[in-house]
Amino acid sequence: MNTQPPAGRHVPVLRERCVSLLEPAIDGEGAIVVDATLGMGGHSEAMLSRFPGLHLIGIDRDEEALALATDRLTPYQDRIDLVHAVYDEIPDVLDDLGVPGVNGVLFDLGVSSLQLDERERGFAYSFDAPLDMRMDTSEGQTAADVVNQYPVQELRNLIRRWGEEKFAGRIADAIANARAEQLITTTGRLVEVIRSAVPAGAARTGGHPAKRTFQALRIEVNEELDVLERAIPAAVEAMVLGGRMVVMSYHSLEDQIVKSVFNSRSKSSAPKGFPVELEEHKPELKRLQSGTEAPSAAETAENPRAASAKLRAVERIRDRRAA
């Protein structure tokens, strides 16, 4: 396996902003931060180099990414624990390491540059490859399994829901007809099938016709939104008082999940009309900005994949465990 990324491939999204938001919580001797989506280690490297007292726990389900990050973070090997896991397993990872709580958590969601750029992984619709899309290639169903085995109604539903694709019905029907003649095993053939189903006018104005379907398949294969719904509350519970969490999402479904947790936990839970706000009703989180932040034009120019990023950040202001 090649563990050397091509020059210029990996530009961490909103790196400086992420580090500055986490800084008040992780700039101290013995502070612990979890990089829940380690990738190739760009954000982690920035934090470790800036904060000499910091210990970092890096989590990733992609073994190739872990190998790259391990190599990149070698200068800090006495201050890191890198773990092959999915980010909803944060409680188990911390328990295995004997860590009762952490000062910071970073999530950089979605597909990584590594996964997009490795053609054989099958994440991209821009070149032909085996139809895989697994972030962890050691287990689980592939995108080809989904495309060839799911009933047409289930395909229609997931393309509409996860891909937010208005032509989901037409695409699902086209897939069903195509696979009846020959199984769909490559990204190139799937793109051809999708193109045949999407009206030409829509393709000219709505971007690549396969973009939303590929997104839906990737989410389904990796159970991304189900995992995220478990991971964000688990990460909140892992933070100590004063801890901070930064989350970058890249489409509305991810952001809705993050927003829901952050909003609900940054409000009082006291019943309406309750005369006194008890300690257990007080907010657990404080939002660190209004709404979301987006990359600057300069950053998007340098790293086009940052264009759709939405950043949210919170601080833990009440620790239920201490109550």
Protein backbone atom coordinates (compact mmCIF):
# COMPACT_ATOMS: atom_id res chain seq x y z
CA MET A 1 0.00 0.00 0.00
CA ASN A 2 1.29 3.43 -0.94
CA THR A 3 1.38 5.62 2.16
CA GLN A 4 2.80 8.73 0.52
CA PRO A 5 0.11 11.20 -0.54
CA PRO A 6 0.75 13.11 -3.77
CA ALA A 7 2.13 16.58 -3.18
CA GLY A 8 -0.50 19.22 -2.65
CA ARG A 9 -3.38 16.79 -2.31
CA HIS A 10 -4.30 17.32 1.32
CA VAL A 11 -5.32 20.80 2.41
CA PRO A 12 -7.13 20.64 5.77
CA VAL A 13 -10.40 22.55 5.63
CA LEU A 14 -10.61 25.64 7.89
CA ARG A 15 -7.52 24.45 9.75
CA GLU A 16 -6.62 27.72 11.43
CA ARG A 17 -10.21 28.49 12.44
CA CYS A 18 -10.69 25.01 13.92
CA VAL A 19 -7.49 25.28 15.95
CA SER A 20 -8.29 28.77 17.21
CA LEU A 21 -11.79 27.74 18.32
CA LEU A 22 -10.40 24.75 20.22
CA GLU A 23 -7.39 26.63 21.64
CA PRO A 24 -8.92 27.89 24.93
CA ALA A 25 -9.80 24.32 25.87
CA ILE A 26 -6.71 22.43 24.67
CA ASP A 27 -3.82 24.83 25.26
CA GLY A 28 -2.62 23.44 28.57
CA GLU A 29 -0.41 20.74 30.04
CA GLY A 30 -2.22 17.42 30.04
CA ALA A 31 -5.08 18.54 27.78
CA ILE A 32 -6.61 15.82 25.61
CA VAL A 33 -8.27 16.29 22.23
CA VAL A 34 -10.08 13.74 20.07
CA ASP A 35 -9.75 14.09 16.31
CA ALA A 36 -12.75 11.91 15.52
CA THR A 37 -12.12 11.97 11.76
CA LEU A 38 -8.34 11.79 11.63
CA GLY A 39 -7.95 11.42 7.87
CA MET A 40 -4.39 12.16 6.84
CA GLY A 41 -3.74 14.06 10.06
CA GLY A 42 -3.60 17.65 8.84
CA HIS A 43 -5.70 19.14 11.61
CA SER A 44 -4.03 16.92 14.21
CA GLU A 45 -0.56 17.96 13.10
CA ALA A 46 -1.52 21.64 13.45
CA MET A 47 -2.80 21.10 16.99
CA LEU A 48 0.14 18.99 18.14
CA SER A 49 2.71 21.42 16.76
CA ARG A 50 1.04 24.43 18.37
CA PHE A 51 0.26 22.99 21.81
CA PRO A 52 3.23 21.09 23.31
CA GLY A 53 1.27 19.90 26.34
CA LEU A 54 -1.50 18.35 24.26
CA HIS A 55 -2.25 14.64 23.93
CA LEU A 56 -4.20 13.63 20.85
CA ILE A 57 -6.49 10.66 20.27
CA GLY A 58 -7.08 10.13 16.55
CA ILE A 59 -9.90 7.95 15.27
CA ASP A 60 -10.54 6.77 11.72
CA ARG A 61 -12.32 3.81 10.14
CA ASP A 62 -10.06 3.97 7.07
CA GLU A 63 -6.92 1.88 7.58
CA GLU A 64 -5.08 3.59 4.73
CA ALA A 65 -5.76 7.01 6.28
CA LEU A 66 -4.49 5.73 9.63
CA ALA A 67 -1.26 4.57 8.00
CA LEU A 68 -0.74 7.97 6.37
CA ALA A 69 -1.53 9.84 9.58
CA THR A 70 0.77 7.58 11.62
CA ASP A 71 3.64 8.44 9.30
CA ARG A 72 2.81 12.14 9.30
CA LEU A 73 2.54 12.35 13.08
CA THR A 74 5.70 10.36 13.85
CA PRO A 75 7.41 13.43 15.44
CA TYR A 76 4.64 13.43 18.06
CA GLN A 77 4.39 9.68 18.62
CA ASP A 78 4.77 10.00 22.41
CA ARG A 79 1.70 12.29 22.53
CA ILE A 80 -0.75 10.39 20.33
CA ASP A 81 -3.01 7.35 20.33
CA LEU A 82 -4.33 6.47 16.87
CA VAL A 83 -7.24 4.04 16.79
CA HIS A 84 -8.99 2.13 14.01
CA ALA A 85 -12.64 2.76 14.87
CA VAL A 86 -15.79 4.56 13.76
CA TYR A 87 -16.43 7.89 15.45
CA ASP A 88 -19.59 6.78 17.22
CA GLU A 89 -17.29 4.46 19.19
CA ILE A 90 -15.70 7.40 21.05
CA PRO A 91 -16.94 6.14 24.46
CA ASP A 92 -15.38 2.70 23.89
CA VAL A 93 -12.12 4.19 22.62
CA LEU A 94 -11.79 6.45 25.66
CA ASP A 95 -12.70 3.62 28.01
CA ASP A 96 -10.06 1.35 26.45
CA LEU A 97 -7.45 4.11 26.88
CA GLY A 98 -8.51 4.84 30.46
CA VAL A 99 -9.49 8.43 29.62
CA PRO A 100 -12.44 9.71 31.71
CA GLY A 101 -13.00 12.92 29.77
CA VAL A 102 -11.50 15.12 27.05
CA ASN A 103 -10.95 18.84 26.55
CA GLY A 104 -11.69 19.03 22.85
CA VAL A 105 -13.31 17.14 19.98
CA LEU A 106 -13.01 17.79 16.25
CA PHE A 107 -15.21 16.31 13.51
CA ASP A 108 -14.46 16.88 9.82
CA LEU A 109 -17.32 14.93 8.26
CA GLY A 110 -17.93 13.42 4.85
CA VAL A 111 -15.60 11.83 2.36
CA SER A 112 -11.90 12.66 2.62
CA SER A 113 -9.50 13.86 -0.04
CA LEU A 114 -7.70 10.53 0.23
CA GLN A 115 -10.86 8.58 -0.52
CA LEU A 116 -11.84 10.83 -3.42
CA ASP A 117 -8.38 10.70 -4.98
CA GLU A 118 -7.82 6.94 -4.73
CA ARG A 119 -9.57 5.79 -7.89
CA GLU A 120 -9.95 2.18 -6.82
CA ARG A 121 -12.08 3.22 -3.84
CA GLY A 122 -15.03 4.06 -6.11
CA PHE A 123 -16.13 7.29 -4.41
CA ALA A 124 -15.79 9.55 -7.43
CA TYR A 125 -18.03 9.74 -10.49
CA SER A 126 -15.34 11.47 -12.57
CA PHE A 127 -13.44 8.29 -13.45
CA ASP A 128 -14.19 4.59 -13.83
CA ALA A 129 -13.47 2.29 -10.89
CA PRO A 130 -14.94 -0.65 -8.98
CA LEU A 131 -18.19 0.42 -7.30
CA ASP A 132 -17.08 0.17 -3.66
CA MET A 133 -17.37 3.40 -1.56
CA ARG A 134 -16.53 1.76 1.78
CA MET A 135 -14.53 3.97 4.12
CA ASP A 136 -13.41 0.82 5.92
CA THR A 137 -12.54 -1.63 3.15
CA SER A 138 -12.12 -4.49 5.62
CA GLU A 139 -15.85 -5.00 6.16
CA GLY A 140 -19.41 -4.23 5.14
CA GLN A 141 -21.44 -4.05 1.97
CA THR A 142 -20.20 -2.15 -1.07
CA ALA A 143 -22.06 0.33 -3.25
CA ALA A 144 -22.31 -2.43 -5.86
CA ASP A 145 -24.16 -4.58 -3.31
CA VAL A 146 -26.64 -1.76 -2.70
CA VAL A 147 -27.15 -0.97 -6.39
CA ASN A 148 -27.63 -4.58 -7.43
CA GLN A 149 -29.49 -6.04 -4.45
CA TYR A 150 -31.80 -3.39 -2.99
CA PRO A 151 -35.44 -3.50 -4.10
CA VAL A 152 -36.25 -0.65 -6.48
CA GLN A 153 -38.48 1.13 -3.93
CA GLU A 154 -35.70 1.05 -1.34
CA LEU A 155 -33.27 2.45 -3.90
CA ARG A 156 -35.73 5.19 -4.77
CA ASN A 157 -36.16 6.13 -1.11
CA LEU A 158 -32.47 6.27 -0.25
CA ILE A 159 -31.57 8.29 -3.36
CA ARG A 160 -34.34 10.75 -2.59
CA ARG A 161 -33.61 10.95 1.16
CA TRP A 162 -29.82 10.80 1.36
CA GLY A 163 -29.12 12.36 -2.04
CA GLU A 164 -31.96 14.90 -2.00
CA GLU A 165 -32.38 13.94 -5.66
CA LYS A 166 -35.65 14.98 -7.31
CA PHE A 167 -35.21 12.42 -10.09
CA ALA A 168 -34.77 9.55 -7.61
CA GLY A 169 -37.66 7.54 -9.05
CA ARG A 170 -36.38 7.72 -12.60
CA ILE A 171 -32.83 6.87 -11.51
CA ALA A 172 -33.93 3.89 -9.40
CA ASP A 173 -36.03 2.52 -12.27
CA ALA A 174 -33.11 2.93 -14.69
CA ILE A 175 -30.80 1.09 -12.28
CA ALA A 176 -33.32 -1.76 -11.92
CA ASN A 177 -33.64 -2.12 -15.69
CA ALA A 178 -29.88 -1.99 -16.24
CA ARG A 179 -28.99 -4.51 -13.54
CA ALA A 180 -31.58 -6.94 -14.91
CA GLU A 181 -29.47 -7.12 -18.08
CA GLN A 182 -26.06 -7.06 -16.39
CA LEU A 183 -24.92 -6.35 -12.83
CA ILE A 184 -23.59 -2.81 -12.29
CA THR A 185 -20.08 -3.19 -10.87
CA THR A 186 -18.25 -0.01 -11.86
CA THR A 187 -18.71 3.70 -11.28
CA GLY A 188 -18.51 4.34 -15.02
CA ARG A 189 -21.48 2.11 -15.82
CA LEU A 190 -23.51 3.58 -12.98
CA VAL A 191 -22.84 7.09 -14.27
CA GLU A 192 -24.06 6.02 -17.73
CA VAL A 193 -27.27 4.63 -16.23
CA ILE A 194 -27.88 7.80 -14.22
CA ARG A 195 -27.22 10.01 -17.25
CA SER A 196 -29.84 8.05 -19.19
CA ALA A 197 -32.44 8.82 -16.50
CA VAL A 198 -31.79 12.51 -15.80
CA PRO A 199 -33.19 15.02 -18.30
CA ALA A 200 -30.48 16.76 -20.27
CA GLY A 201 -31.67 20.20 -19.21
CA ALA A 202 -31.38 19.32 -15.53
CA ALA A 203 -27.85 17.97 -16.05
CA ARG A 204 -26.80 21.25 -17.68
CA THR A 205 -28.01 23.40 -14.79
CA GLY A 206 -27.73 21.18 -11.71
CA GLY A 207 -24.13 20.02 -11.81
CA HIS A 208 -23.00 16.47 -12.53
CA PRO A 209 -26.12 14.26 -12.79
CA ALA A 210 -24.54 11.51 -10.67
CA LYS A 211 -23.45 13.72 -7.78
CA ARG A 212 -26.49 13.25 -5.56
CA THR A 213 -26.89 9.54 -6.22
CA PHE A 214 -23.24 8.90 -5.41
CA GLN A 215 -23.66 10.89 -2.19
CA ALA A 216 -26.70 8.80 -1.26
CA LEU A 217 -24.91 5.51 -1.92
CA ARG A 218 -21.86 6.60 0.09
CA ILE A 219 -24.03 7.56 3.05
CA GLU A 220 -25.91 4.26 2.87
CA VAL A 221 -22.82 2.09 2.53
CA ASN A 222 -21.08 3.74 5.48
CA GLU A 223 -24.22 4.40 7.55
CA GLU A 224 -22.89 7.93 7.93
CA LEU A 225 -25.97 9.70 9.26
CA ASP A 226 -26.93 6.91 11.66
CA VAL A 227 -23.36 6.96 12.99
CA LEU A 228 -23.41 10.76 13.28
CA GLU A 229 -26.69 10.73 15.24
CA ARG A 230 -24.96 8.56 17.84
CA ALA A 231 -21.56 10.23 17.69
CA ILE A 232 -22.41 13.88 18.42
CA PRO A 233 -24.25 13.20 21.73
CA ALA A 234 -21.53 10.72 22.72
CA ALA A 235 -18.84 13.33 22.07
CA VAL A 236 -20.74 15.90 24.14
CA GLU A 237 -20.87 13.45 27.04
CA ALA A 238 -17.12 12.84 26.73
CA MET A 239 -16.21 16.52 27.17
CA VAL A 240 -15.23 17.92 30.55
CA LEU A 241 -16.45 21.28 31.82
CA GLY A 242 -14.93 23.96 29.60
CA GLY A 243 -14.33 21.49 26.79
CA ARG A 244 -14.97 22.56 23.21
CA MET A 245 -16.23 20.78 20.10
CA VAL A 246 -15.87 21.86 16.47
CA VAL A 247 -17.82 20.15 13.70
CA MET A 248 -17.49 20.70 9.96
CA SER A 249 -20.24 19.29 7.77
CA TYR A 250 -20.61 19.33 4.01
CA HIS A 251 -24.30 18.84 3.27
CA SER A 252 -27.56 19.79 4.88
CA LEU A 253 -28.40 16.36 6.32
CA GLU A 254 -25.19 16.29 8.36
CA ASP A 255 -25.62 19.88 9.48
CA GLN A 256 -29.22 19.27 10.57
CA ILE A 257 -28.10 16.52 12.93
CA VAL A 258 -25.32 18.64 14.43
CA LYS A 259 -27.56 21.70 14.71
CA SER A 260 -30.30 19.72 16.45
CA VAL A 261 -27.99 18.41 19.18
CA PHE A 262 -26.23 21.73 19.71
CA ASN A 263 -29.48 23.71 19.84
CA SER A 264 -31.28 21.34 22.20
CA ARG A 265 -28.37 21.20 24.63
CA SER A 266 -27.75 24.95 24.61
CA LYS A 267 -31.26 25.72 25.86
CA SER A 268 -32.83 25.40 29.28
CA SER A 269 -34.84 22.20 29.72
CA ALA A 270 -37.06 23.72 32.41
CA PRO A 271 -40.77 23.15 31.76
CA LYS A 272 -42.59 26.14 30.30
CA GLY A 273 -43.81 28.39 33.11
CA PHE A 274 -41.56 26.71 35.68
CA PRO A 275 -40.85 29.43 38.32
CA VAL A 276 -37.23 28.45 39.04
CA GLU A 277 -34.58 27.04 36.72
CA LEU A 278 -33.02 24.14 38.61
CA GLU A 279 -29.41 23.22 38.07
CA GLU A 280 -30.35 20.13 36.07
CA HIS A 281 -32.40 22.29 33.69
CA LYS A 282 -29.59 24.67 32.81
CA PRO A 283 -28.00 24.45 29.34
CA GLU A 284 -25.06 22.06 28.94
CA LEU A 285 -23.57 23.82 25.94
CA LYS A 286 -22.83 27.35 24.80
CA ARG A 287 -22.73 28.02 21.07
CA LEU A 288 -19.55 29.84 20.08
CA GLN A 289 -20.97 31.56 17.01
CA SER A 290 -24.33 32.48 15.55
CA GLY A 291 -25.36 29.93 12.94
CA THR A 292 -22.58 28.45 10.85
CA GLU A 293 -19.26 29.71 9.51
CA ALA A 294 -18.09 29.12 5.96
CA PRO A 295 -14.62 29.20 4.38
CA SER A 296 -13.37 32.48 3.01
CA ALA A 297 -13.15 33.06 -0.72
CA ALA A 298 -9.37 32.77 -0.47
CA GLU A 299 -9.55 29.38 1.21
CA THR A 300 -12.10 28.08 -1.27
CA ALA A 301 -9.85 29.21 -4.11
CA GLU A 302 -6.95 27.28 -2.57
CA ASN A 303 -9.06 24.25 -1.69
CA PRO A 304 -12.24 23.93 -3.80
CA ARG A 305 -13.43 20.99 -1.68
CA ALA A 306 -13.90 23.41 1.21
CA ALA A 307 -16.62 25.34 -0.63
CA SER A 308 -19.59 23.56 0.94
CA ALA A 309 -18.18 23.35 4.48
CA LYS A 310 -20.31 24.57 7.39
CA LEU A 311 -18.63 24.94 10.76
CA ARG A 312 -20.35 24.87 14.15
CA ALA A 313 -18.68 25.06 17.56
CA VAL A 314 -19.80 24.75 21.18
CA GLU A 315 -18.35 24.84 24.69
CA ARG A 316 -19.39 22.60 27.59
CA ILE A 317 -20.72 24.88 30.36
CA ARG A 318 -22.43 22.31 32.59
CA ASP A 319 -21.25 18.81 33.37
CA ARG A 320 -24.08 16.51 34.35
CA ARG A 321 -21.57 13.94 35.56
CA ALA A 322 -20.53 16.31 38.36
CA ALA A 323 -24.12 16.94 39.47
